[in-house]
Amino acid sequence: MRRSSDGRFWAEGRPEKLTDYVHGAFFISRANFGAFERSSTYDVRFEMFELSRTGTNLKIFLF
């Protein structure tokens, strides 16, 4: 049975102030694609990546 990380979203905590950053990641293993996110109320940044999965190993390749 193959385990999939499709549709998985990871987020780090909740901001205390409007200027605090929150980090997150979204994984779509069937498309070998994902995105890292860093955002505050005033700023949002995304980094896209390719991923490959072999067994329990997940490799990430930044664009």
Protein backbone atom coordinates (compact mmCIF):
# COMPACT_ATOMS: atom_id res chain seq x y z
CA MET A 1 0.00 0.00 0.00
CA ARG A 2 1.47 3.35 -1.04
CA ARG A 3 1.01 6.24 1.34
CA SER A 4 0.39 9.57 -0.31
CA SER A 5 1.14 13.08 0.89
CA ASP A 6 -1.37 14.60 -1.55
CA GLY A 7 -3.23 17.56 -0.24
CA ARG A 8 -1.12 17.76 2.91
CA PHE A 9 -0.57 21.18 4.38
CA TRP A 10 1.80 21.94 7.22
CA ALA A 11 1.69 25.25 9.13
CA GLU A 12 3.82 26.56 11.94
CA GLY A 13 1.95 28.12 14.85
CA ARG A 14 -0.18 31.24 15.04
CA PRO A 15 1.16 34.78 14.88
CA GLU A 16 0.92 36.96 17.98
CA LYS A 17 1.38 40.25 16.11
CA LEU A 18 0.43 41.41 12.61
CA THR A 19 4.13 41.53 11.66
CA ASP A 20 4.91 37.96 12.84
CA TYR A 21 5.61 35.44 10.10
CA VAL A 22 3.97 32.05 9.74
CA HIS A 23 5.62 29.30 7.68
CA GLY A 24 3.80 26.59 5.79
CA ALA A 25 4.22 23.95 3.11
CA PHE A 26 1.85 22.21 0.71
CA PHE A 27 2.66 18.84 -0.89
CA ILE A 28 1.13 17.26 -4.01
CA SER A 29 3.02 13.99 -4.52
CA ARG A 30 1.04 12.81 -7.56
CA ALA A 31 2.19 15.93 -9.44
CA ASN A 32 5.69 15.86 -7.85
CA PHE A 33 5.14 19.46 -6.79
CA GLY A 34 4.90 21.55 -3.65
CA ALA A 35 5.27 25.05 -2.24
CA PHE A 36 6.76 26.64 0.85
CA GLU A 37 5.03 29.74 2.17
CA ARG A 38 6.17 32.51 4.52
CA SER A 39 3.62 35.19 5.30
CA SER A 40 2.52 37.91 7.66
CA THR A 41 -0.41 40.27 7.39
CA TYR A 42 1.68 42.56 5.18
CA ASP A 43 3.93 40.19 3.22
CA VAL A 44 3.55 36.82 1.45
CA ARG A 45 6.31 34.78 -0.19
CA PHE A 46 6.14 31.43 -1.96
CA GLU A 47 8.88 29.07 -3.10
CA MET A 48 7.89 26.22 -5.38
CA PHE A 49 9.70 22.88 -5.45
CA GLU A 50 9.70 19.48 -7.10
CA LEU A 51 9.58 16.42 -4.91
CA SER A 52 10.16 12.71 -5.26
CA ARG A 53 9.23 9.97 -2.86
CA THR A 54 10.88 6.57 -2.51
CA GLY A 55 9.49 4.47 0.31
CA THR A 56 9.70 6.58 3.44
CA ASN A 57 12.17 9.09 1.92
CA LEU A 58 11.00 12.42 0.54
CA LYS A 59 13.45 14.48 -1.54
CA ILE A 60 12.82 18.16 -2.28
CA PHE A 61 14.41 20.07 -5.18
CA LEU A 62 13.98 23.86 -5.16
CA PHE A 63 13.46 25.65 -8.49
